[in-house]
Amino acid sequence: MKNIKNITFRTLQIGTLIFLVFYTNAKIYEIKDYLNPQNQDRKKYIEKYKYIAIEEMEKIGVPASIKLAQGILESGDGKSWLATKANNHFGIKCGPIWKGETAYRKDDDRDKEGNLIPSCFRKYNNPEQSYRDHSKFLTDPKKEYRYGFLFDYPVTDYKRWAKGLKKAGYATNPNYANLLIGIIEANELYRYDFMDSNSFDPELAEFSRKNKVQYNNHVKMVFVQEGDDLADIAMKYNVGMSKLLDYNDLKTENVLLKEGERVYLQRKKKSFQGRKEFHTVKKGDSMYSIAQFYGIRLDKLYQKNRMFEGTEPAIGTRVSLRKKVRKGQQPQLRNMNKNLPAFTEGLEQFIIYSFLDFTEPNKPEKPKNDPKPPKTENLFHTVVKGDTLYGISRKYSVSVEQIKQLNQLESNTISVGQKLRVQ
């Protein structure tokens, strides 16, 4: 009898050992597969959402690598129930302020007796909306005490961000930070932390064009589709033309829109509500394009930077997006007249200020025999990438119709390198 018991016990031990070996190997295989950079589903997920992750990083300050890793982990490469049924890629629950659609599923919420009950999760129209709401969730002023410290970390320090998210209680998994770091390093997601949306302009325009109404700086907007004009957009989204012009700081509807350009359907904000405080001016930037990119009213952007409307910042200078700069710290101005010598750079604002000083005491009268001022030589403008007739008209203080008449143009279409008469 004793021998039978020993045999039974040893059989049980061997069976348990075999089970543990198979279970351990299965788990090791599962983890390796989870972190495997050759995972095709993961590669497709990264390719699909890297653009919006970079764009959100640029606007809000959450590292693209962290956002992608969280999306991968929380949504199971976009295949989880929550991702497929509710477009929720970050496991964000409803909370008391959520007014949108909802989806219910058991998670970790319990009733008074300790029984699991269905949790309320936010439901989105598309995954991109989930990515943007993730940014809003982390920057919610009411959650400043939890997540505010994260934005003191550089966007290139994904390890501190991962550990910070765990510390802030974003997830209950004790291994959450290591899982995020593992995904980032296995798939080299840290590369995207050193990029900006300009790195992907053609792809980003195509990616964004396919989406309908979106939000930028918490304002409704759409991306222009090929062939769109303001009249099309006003009719499609039931917005009056006068309001559409006002929302987008435009004075006329005769504007040639570029595919991928932003058009706002609501009044823009007075300042940028993300974490980014400054925009560094790049070639092709203007105060108007900056205002449109960040969803800020153009006049407020000028006021914050103590600049007169119509002036433009020099390339390489910083434009404040949130707070009004102090006197003497205004952005350096661009020399709008290329024929002037370099030392005149930045004098436009002083000149404009002089003209705006209407008192002008003891101003000497102009002698009657003064020779007539020479005619300006700036009669023509050579079209560069990003130019529109409206932008050119603002630059030279003439109307779009005047430019069209001077150049015998039948439409608003212009091409790079084209020489247009402007005076």
Protein backbone atom coordinates (compact mmCIF):
# COMPACT_ATOMS: atom_id res chain seq x y z
CA MET A 1 0.00 0.00 0.00
CA LYS A 2 2.87 2.30 0.89
CA ASN A 3 4.54 1.56 -2.46
CA ILE A 4 1.32 2.41 -4.31
CA LYS A 5 1.14 5.74 -2.49
CA ASN A 6 4.79 6.49 -3.34
CA ILE A 7 4.19 5.62 -7.02
CA THR A 8 1.09 7.81 -7.10
CA PHE A 9 2.94 10.72 -5.46
CA ARG A 10 5.93 10.41 -7.84
CA THR A 11 3.54 10.25 -10.81
CA LEU A 12 1.87 13.41 -9.57
CA GLN A 13 5.27 15.11 -9.15
CA ILE A 14 6.38 14.14 -12.66
CA GLY A 15 3.05 15.27 -14.12
CA THR A 16 3.30 18.59 -12.32
CA LEU A 17 6.89 19.04 -13.51
CA ILE A 18 5.91 18.30 -17.13
CA PHE A 19 3.02 20.77 -16.87
CA LEU A 20 5.30 23.47 -15.45
CA VAL A 21 7.88 22.92 -18.20
CA PHE A 22 5.24 23.20 -20.94
CA TYR A 23 3.53 26.14 -19.22
CA THR A 24 6.84 27.98 -18.70
CA ASN A 25 7.94 27.38 -22.28
CA ALA A 26 4.55 28.56 -23.52
CA LYS A 27 4.82 31.72 -21.43
CA ILE A 28 8.39 32.37 -22.61
CA TYR A 29 7.23 31.90 -26.20
CA GLU A 30 4.28 34.21 -25.58
CA ILE A 31 6.52 36.97 -24.12
CA LYS A 32 9.05 36.61 -26.92
CA ASP A 33 6.27 36.78 -29.48
CA TYR A 34 4.82 39.80 -27.71
CA LEU A 35 8.10 41.71 -27.90
CA ASN A 36 9.11 40.29 -31.28
CA PRO A 37 9.75 43.18 -33.68
CA GLN A 38 8.91 40.83 -36.59
CA ASN A 39 5.32 40.53 -35.35
CA GLN A 40 3.41 41.52 -38.51
CA ASP A 41 0.35 42.81 -36.65
CA ARG A 42 2.57 45.05 -34.59
CA LYS A 43 4.45 46.37 -37.61
CA LYS A 44 1.17 47.26 -39.30
CA TYR A 45 -0.06 48.95 -36.13
CA ILE A 46 3.08 51.08 -35.85
CA GLU A 47 2.95 52.10 -39.51
CA LYS A 48 -0.70 53.07 -39.20
CA TYR A 49 -0.49 55.19 -36.05
CA LYS A 50 3.06 56.58 -35.98
CA TYR A 51 1.96 59.77 -37.77
CA ILE A 52 -0.67 60.78 -35.25
CA ALA A 53 1.65 59.79 -32.37
CA ILE A 54 4.30 62.19 -33.70
CA GLU A 55 1.75 64.95 -34.33
CA GLU A 56 0.35 64.63 -30.80
CA MET A 57 3.88 64.63 -29.35
CA GLU A 58 4.58 67.89 -31.17
CA LYS A 59 1.36 69.52 -29.94
CA ILE A 60 1.04 68.10 -26.42
CA GLY A 61 4.43 66.76 -25.32
CA VAL A 62 3.75 63.03 -24.81
CA PRO A 63 6.62 61.05 -26.41
CA ALA A 64 5.53 59.31 -29.61
CA SER A 65 7.27 56.13 -28.42
CA ILE A 66 5.27 56.11 -25.19
CA LYS A 67 1.95 56.75 -26.94
CA LEU A 68 2.59 53.98 -29.48
CA ALA A 69 3.78 51.54 -26.80
CA GLN A 70 0.74 52.22 -24.64
CA GLY A 71 -1.54 51.80 -27.64
CA ILE A 72 0.13 48.50 -28.52
CA LEU A 73 -0.02 47.19 -24.96
CA GLU A 74 -3.52 48.38 -24.06
CA SER A 75 -5.14 47.39 -27.37
CA GLY A 76 -3.23 44.19 -28.11
CA ASP A 77 -1.93 45.61 -31.41
CA GLY A 78 -5.41 46.96 -32.12
CA LYS A 79 -7.10 43.55 -31.83
CA SER A 80 -8.57 43.72 -28.31
CA TRP A 81 -12.33 43.76 -27.70
CA LEU A 82 -12.18 47.37 -26.53
CA ALA A 83 -10.19 48.45 -29.61
CA THR A 84 -12.38 46.65 -32.14
CA LYS A 85 -15.76 47.40 -30.54
CA ALA A 86 -15.15 50.88 -29.11
CA ASN A 87 -12.02 52.19 -30.95
CA ASN A 88 -10.53 52.63 -27.46
CA HIS A 89 -6.79 51.94 -27.72
CA PHE A 90 -5.75 53.16 -24.26
CA GLY A 91 -8.25 51.55 -21.91
CA ILE A 92 -9.59 54.93 -20.76
CA LYS A 93 -12.71 54.62 -18.62
CA CYS A 94 -15.67 56.98 -18.77
CA GLY A 95 -15.15 59.00 -15.61
CA PRO A 96 -17.63 61.65 -14.41
CA ILE A 97 -16.93 64.17 -17.22
CA TRP A 98 -17.34 61.87 -20.24
CA LYS A 99 -20.40 62.83 -22.34
CA GLY A 100 -19.73 60.62 -25.37
CA GLU A 101 -20.72 57.08 -26.26
CA THR A 102 -19.84 54.22 -23.90
CA ALA A 103 -18.99 50.52 -23.92
CA TYR A 104 -19.25 48.15 -20.95
CA ARG A 105 -16.99 45.24 -20.09
CA LYS A 106 -15.79 43.61 -16.85
CA ASP A 107 -12.37 44.90 -15.82
CA ASP A 108 -11.46 45.68 -12.21
CA ASP A 109 -14.52 47.50 -10.84
CA ARG A 110 -16.41 45.77 -8.02
CA ASP A 111 -19.66 46.30 -6.15
CA LYS A 112 -20.02 46.68 -2.39
CA GLU A 113 -19.92 42.90 -1.97
CA GLY A 114 -16.65 42.65 -3.89
CA ASN A 115 -18.13 41.12 -7.03
CA LEU A 116 -16.80 42.17 -10.45
CA ILE A 117 -19.18 44.46 -12.31
CA PRO A 118 -19.01 45.81 -15.88
CA SER A 119 -16.79 48.88 -16.18
CA CYS A 120 -17.75 51.88 -18.31
CA PHE A 121 -15.24 52.64 -21.07
CA ARG A 122 -15.16 55.55 -23.50
CA LYS A 123 -16.25 54.74 -27.04
CA TYR A 124 -14.85 56.68 -30.02
CA ASN A 125 -15.79 57.17 -33.66
CA ASN A 126 -12.31 56.11 -34.80
CA PRO A 127 -8.93 55.15 -33.30
CA GLU A 128 -7.47 58.58 -34.07
CA GLN A 129 -10.03 60.16 -31.77
CA SER A 130 -8.83 57.76 -29.06
CA TYR A 131 -5.21 58.90 -29.61
CA ARG A 132 -6.21 62.55 -29.20
CA ASP A 133 -8.35 61.86 -26.15
CA HIS A 134 -5.37 60.09 -24.56
CA SER A 135 -3.49 63.41 -24.82
CA LYS A 136 -6.44 65.29 -23.29
CA PHE A 137 -6.66 62.69 -20.53
CA LEU A 138 -3.01 63.18 -19.50
CA THR A 139 -3.22 66.99 -19.72
CA ASP A 140 -6.57 67.35 -17.94
CA PRO A 141 -6.07 70.14 -15.35
CA LYS A 142 -8.04 68.05 -12.84
CA LYS A 143 -5.39 65.32 -13.15
CA GLU A 144 -2.44 67.71 -12.87
CA TYR A 145 -1.61 66.28 -9.43
CA ARG A 146 -1.25 62.80 -10.98
CA TYR A 147 0.34 63.31 -14.39
CA GLY A 148 1.65 66.88 -14.34
CA PHE A 149 5.19 65.91 -13.31
CA LEU A 150 5.58 63.76 -16.45
CA PHE A 151 5.77 66.85 -18.65
CA ASP A 152 8.91 67.96 -16.83
CA TYR A 153 10.70 65.00 -18.45
CA PRO A 154 12.26 65.37 -21.93
CA VAL A 155 10.20 63.74 -24.68
CA THR A 156 13.30 61.71 -25.56
CA ASP A 157 13.49 60.08 -22.10
CA TYR A 158 11.01 57.25 -22.66
CA LYS A 159 12.27 55.28 -19.64
CA ARG A 160 11.41 58.04 -17.16
CA TRP A 161 8.03 58.46 -18.85
CA ALA A 162 7.31 54.73 -18.61
CA LYS A 163 8.26 54.60 -14.93
CA GLY A 164 6.38 57.84 -14.30
CA LEU A 165 3.17 56.44 -15.78
CA LYS A 166 3.45 53.44 -13.49
CA LYS A 167 4.13 55.71 -10.51
CA ALA A 168 1.10 57.87 -11.40
CA GLY A 169 -1.11 54.78 -11.34
CA TYR A 170 -2.04 54.69 -15.03
CA ALA A 171 -2.22 50.88 -14.82
CA THR A 172 -2.35 48.35 -11.98
CA ASN A 173 0.11 45.90 -13.57
CA PRO A 174 3.30 46.08 -11.42
CA ASN A 175 5.37 45.32 -14.52
CA TYR A 176 3.75 48.07 -16.63
CA ALA A 177 6.87 50.25 -17.00
CA ASN A 178 9.08 47.32 -18.04
CA LEU A 179 6.51 46.18 -20.59
CA LEU A 180 6.40 49.64 -22.18
CA ILE A 181 10.21 49.90 -22.26
CA GLY A 182 10.46 46.40 -23.74
CA ILE A 183 8.03 47.23 -26.54
CA ILE A 184 9.79 50.53 -27.30
CA GLU A 185 13.25 48.98 -27.48
CA ALA A 186 12.23 45.82 -29.35
CA ASN A 187 10.55 47.91 -32.05
CA GLU A 188 12.92 50.92 -31.94
CA LEU A 189 9.99 53.26 -31.28
CA TYR A 190 12.38 55.77 -29.68
CA ARG A 191 13.28 56.87 -33.23
CA TYR A 192 9.97 58.69 -33.49
CA ASP A 193 10.76 60.85 -30.44
CA PHE A 194 13.34 62.70 -32.56
CA MET A 195 10.96 63.42 -35.46
CA ASP A 196 8.28 66.03 -36.12
CA SER A 197 5.21 66.13 -38.33
CA ASN A 198 7.19 67.85 -41.10
CA SER A 199 9.11 64.59 -41.53
CA PHE A 200 5.95 62.99 -42.86
CA ASP A 201 4.18 65.82 -44.67
CA PRO A 202 3.00 63.80 -47.74
CA GLU A 203 1.94 60.78 -45.71
CA LEU A 204 0.41 62.88 -42.94
CA ALA A 205 -1.69 64.84 -45.41
CA GLU A 206 -2.95 61.63 -46.99
CA PHE A 207 -3.57 60.05 -43.58
CA SER A 208 -5.46 63.05 -42.29
CA ARG A 209 -7.43 63.67 -45.47
CA LYS A 210 -9.37 60.44 -45.06
CA ASN A 211 -10.77 61.46 -41.69
CA LYS A 212 -13.85 63.58 -41.14
CA VAL A 213 -14.36 66.13 -38.36
CA GLN A 214 -11.46 66.12 -35.90
CA TYR A 215 -10.25 68.24 -33.00
CA ASN A 216 -7.15 70.38 -32.70
CA ASN A 217 -6.58 72.42 -29.53
CA HIS A 218 -10.09 71.23 -28.56
CA VAL A 219 -11.62 72.95 -31.62
CA LYS A 220 -13.57 71.17 -34.40
CA MET A 221 -11.73 71.15 -37.72
CA VAL A 222 -11.40 69.26 -40.99
CA PHE A 223 -8.52 68.65 -43.36
CA VAL A 224 -9.05 69.96 -46.89
CA GLN A 225 -9.64 67.26 -49.47
CA GLU A 226 -8.55 67.49 -53.09
CA GLY A 227 -10.73 69.95 -54.99
CA ASP A 228 -12.33 71.47 -51.88
CA ASP A 229 -12.99 75.18 -51.54
CA LEU A 230 -14.50 77.16 -48.68
CA ALA A 231 -17.96 77.04 -50.23
CA ASP A 232 -17.83 73.23 -50.37
CA ILE A 233 -16.78 73.01 -46.73
CA ALA A 234 -19.37 75.54 -45.57
CA MET A 235 -22.14 73.60 -47.30
CA LYS A 236 -20.89 70.15 -46.27
CA TYR A 237 -20.63 71.01 -42.57
CA ASN A 238 -23.56 73.47 -42.45
CA VAL A 239 -21.46 76.46 -41.37
CA GLY A 240 -22.24 79.96 -42.65
CA MET A 241 -19.58 81.44 -44.92
CA SER A 242 -19.16 84.55 -42.76
CA LYS A 243 -18.57 82.36 -39.69
CA LEU A 244 -16.17 80.09 -41.57
CA LEU A 245 -14.13 83.10 -42.66
CA ASP A 246 -14.12 84.45 -39.10
CA TYR A 247 -13.13 81.09 -37.59
CA ASN A 248 -10.16 80.84 -39.97
CA ASP A 249 -9.01 84.49 -39.91
CA LEU A 250 -9.89 85.00 -43.57
CA LYS A 251 -11.36 88.09 -45.24
CA THR A 252 -12.50 86.59 -48.52
CA GLU A 253 -13.73 83.21 -49.71
CA ASN A 254 -11.57 83.49 -52.85
CA VAL A 255 -8.77 81.50 -51.25
CA LEU A 256 -7.01 78.61 -52.95
CA LEU A 257 -7.02 75.79 -50.38
CA LYS A 258 -4.29 73.17 -50.36
CA GLU A 259 -5.00 69.50 -49.74
CA GLY A 260 -4.29 68.63 -46.10
CA GLU A 261 -4.74 72.24 -44.90
CA ARG A 262 -6.74 72.80 -41.69
CA VAL A 263 -10.13 74.52 -41.78
CA TYR A 264 -11.82 75.21 -38.44
CA LEU A 265 -15.56 74.80 -37.91
CA GLN A 266 -15.57 76.60 -34.56
CA ARG A 267 -13.86 79.69 -33.18
CA LYS A 268 -10.23 78.96 -32.37
CA LYS A 269 -8.83 79.35 -28.86
CA LYS A 270 -7.06 82.42 -27.50
CA SER A 271 -3.97 80.32 -26.73
CA PHE A 272 -2.62 76.82 -27.21
CA GLN A 273 -3.96 74.54 -24.49
CA GLY A 274 -1.32 71.86 -24.87
CA ARG A 275 1.99 71.69 -23.02
CA LYS A 276 4.09 73.17 -25.80
CA GLU A 277 4.89 76.82 -25.04
CA PHE A 278 6.82 77.93 -28.11
CA HIS A 279 7.01 77.22 -31.83
CA THR A 280 10.38 77.55 -33.54
CA VAL A 281 9.85 79.22 -36.90
CA LYS A 282 10.88 77.16 -39.93
CA LYS A 283 11.24 78.05 -43.58
CA GLY A 284 7.77 78.57 -45.05
CA ASP A 285 6.14 79.35 -41.70
CA SER A 286 4.02 82.47 -41.23
CA MET A 287 2.01 83.79 -38.31
CA TYR A 288 -1.11 82.63 -40.14
CA SER A 289 0.17 79.08 -40.72
CA ILE A 290 1.32 78.85 -37.09
CA ALA A 291 -2.09 80.04 -35.85
CA GLN A 292 -3.83 77.46 -38.05
CA PHE A 293 -1.51 74.63 -37.03
CA TYR A 294 -2.08 75.15 -33.30
CA GLY A 295 -5.71 76.29 -33.45
CA ILE A 296 -5.05 79.83 -32.11
CA ARG A 297 -6.77 83.05 -33.20
CA LEU A 298 -4.38 85.03 -35.37
CA ASP A 299 -4.95 88.36 -33.62
CA LYS A 300 -4.31 86.74 -30.22
CA LEU A 301 -1.09 85.17 -31.50
CA TYR A 302 0.12 88.61 -32.60
CA GLN A 303 -0.84 90.09 -29.22
CA LYS A 304 0.94 87.37 -27.24
CA ASN A 305 4.15 88.08 -29.11
CA ARG A 306 3.77 91.89 -29.06
CA MET A 307 3.90 92.00 -32.86
CA PHE A 308 1.95 94.21 -35.23
CA GLU A 309 -0.39 92.41 -37.62
CA GLY A 310 1.19 91.87 -41.01
CA THR A 311 4.72 91.41 -39.66
CA GLU A 312 6.36 87.98 -39.78
CA PRO A 313 8.89 86.31 -37.43
CA ALA A 314 12.39 85.50 -38.65
CA ILE A 315 13.34 81.88 -39.28
CA GLY A 316 14.82 80.26 -36.18
CA THR A 317 13.08 82.54 -33.66
CA ARG A 318 10.48 81.32 -31.17
CA VAL A 319 6.83 82.32 -31.20
CA SER A 320 4.96 82.09 -27.90
CA LEU A 321 1.83 79.93 -28.03
CA ARG A 322 0.48 80.31 -24.50
CA LYS A 323 1.70 83.38 -22.62
CA LYS A 324 2.33 86.99 -23.56
CA VAL A 325 6.04 87.70 -23.93
CA ARG A 326 7.66 90.47 -21.93
CA LYS A 327 8.59 93.78 -23.49
CA GLY A 328 11.87 93.49 -25.31
CA GLN A 329 11.47 89.71 -25.82
CA GLN A 330 9.38 89.87 -28.99
CA PRO A 331 10.39 87.51 -31.81
CA GLN A 332 12.93 88.90 -34.22
CA LEU A 333 11.13 90.03 -37.36
CA ARG A 334 11.70 88.82 -40.88
CA ASN A 335 13.03 91.24 -43.49
CA MET A 336 10.06 91.27 -45.87
CA ASN A 337 11.88 93.38 -48.47
CA LYS A 338 14.71 91.29 -49.90
CA ASN A 339 16.24 94.34 -51.60
CA LEU A 340 17.00 96.01 -48.28
CA PRO A 341 20.41 95.47 -46.68
CA ALA A 342 20.72 92.87 -43.93
CA PHE A 343 21.11 95.42 -41.11
CA THR A 344 17.46 96.45 -41.60
CA GLU A 345 16.29 93.04 -40.37
CA GLY A 346 13.88 93.56 -37.50
CA LEU A 347 13.25 97.28 -38.13
CA GLU A 348 9.80 96.81 -39.67
CA GLN A 349 8.04 96.87 -36.31
CA PHE A 350 9.80 100.10 -35.35
CA ILE A 351 8.81 101.66 -38.67
CA ILE A 352 5.19 100.57 -38.28
CA TYR A 353 5.15 101.87 -34.72
CA SER A 354 6.39 105.25 -35.95
CA PHE A 355 3.55 105.46 -38.43
CA LEU A 356 1.04 104.49 -35.76
CA ASP A 357 2.17 107.36 -33.51
CA PHE A 358 -0.45 109.83 -34.74
CA THR A 359 0.67 112.69 -32.46
CA GLU A 360 4.02 113.18 -34.20
CA PRO A 361 4.80 116.55 -32.53
CA ASN A 362 6.80 119.16 -34.42
CA LYS A 363 6.83 117.10 -37.59
CA PRO A 364 8.52 119.25 -40.28
CA GLU A 365 6.50 119.98 -43.36
CA LYS A 366 7.67 118.44 -46.57
CA PRO A 367 9.18 121.09 -48.92
CA LYS A 368 7.13 121.59 -52.04
CA ASN A 369 10.17 121.33 -54.30
CA ASP A 370 11.16 117.90 -52.95
CA PRO A 371 11.70 115.48 -55.78
CA LYS A 372 9.10 112.74 -56.14
CA PRO A 373 10.08 109.51 -54.38
CA PRO A 374 11.44 106.92 -56.75
CA LYS A 375 9.04 104.18 -57.76
CA THR A 376 9.49 100.93 -55.88
CA GLU A 377 11.18 98.11 -57.76
CA ASN A 378 9.21 95.45 -55.91
CA LEU A 379 6.63 95.03 -58.68
CA PHE A 380 6.83 91.25 -58.91
CA HIS A 381 6.63 88.25 -56.60
CA THR A 382 8.09 84.84 -57.48
CA VAL A 383 5.82 82.05 -56.23
CA VAL A 384 7.43 79.62 -53.76
CA LYS A 385 6.08 76.41 -52.23
CA GLY A 386 3.18 77.14 -49.89
CA ASP A 387 2.18 80.44 -51.50
CA THR A 388 -1.48 81.26 -52.17
CA LEU A 389 -2.99 84.28 -53.86
CA TYR A 390 -4.52 85.28 -50.55
CA GLY A 391 -1.16 85.03 -48.75
CA ILE A 392 0.55 87.07 -51.48
CA SER A 393 -2.22 89.68 -51.39
CA ARG A 394 -1.76 90.12 -47.63
CA LYS A 395 1.98 90.38 -48.04
CA TYR A 396 1.80 93.23 -50.56
CA SER A 397 -1.42 94.89 -49.27
CA VAL A 398 -3.36 94.33 -52.49
CA SER A 399 -6.50 92.32 -53.15
CA VAL A 400 -6.65 88.92 -54.79
CA GLU A 401 -8.73 90.40 -57.61
CA GLN A 402 -6.10 93.08 -58.28
CA ILE A 403 -3.37 90.43 -58.59
CA LYS A 404 -5.57 88.39 -60.93
CA GLN A 405 -6.26 91.45 -63.09
CA LEU A 406 -2.61 92.50 -63.19
CA ASN A 407 -1.60 89.00 -64.30
CA GLN A 408 -4.69 88.17 -66.38
CA LEU A 409 -5.43 85.12 -64.23
CA GLU A 410 -8.74 83.35 -64.77
CA SER A 411 -8.52 81.23 -61.59
CA ASN A 412 -6.78 81.16 -58.22
CA THR A 413 -4.34 78.47 -59.35
CA ILE A 414 -0.66 79.45 -59.23
CA SER A 415 2.52 77.38 -59.59
CA VAL A 416 5.96 77.42 -57.99
CA GLY A 417 8.39 79.65 -59.90
CA GLN A 418 5.62 81.73 -61.48
CA LYS A 419 6.36 85.48 -61.53
CA LEU A 420 3.36 87.56 -60.50
CA ARG A 421 2.98 91.32 -60.77
CA VAL A 422 1.79 92.67 -57.43
CA GLN A 423 1.87 96.46 -57.93
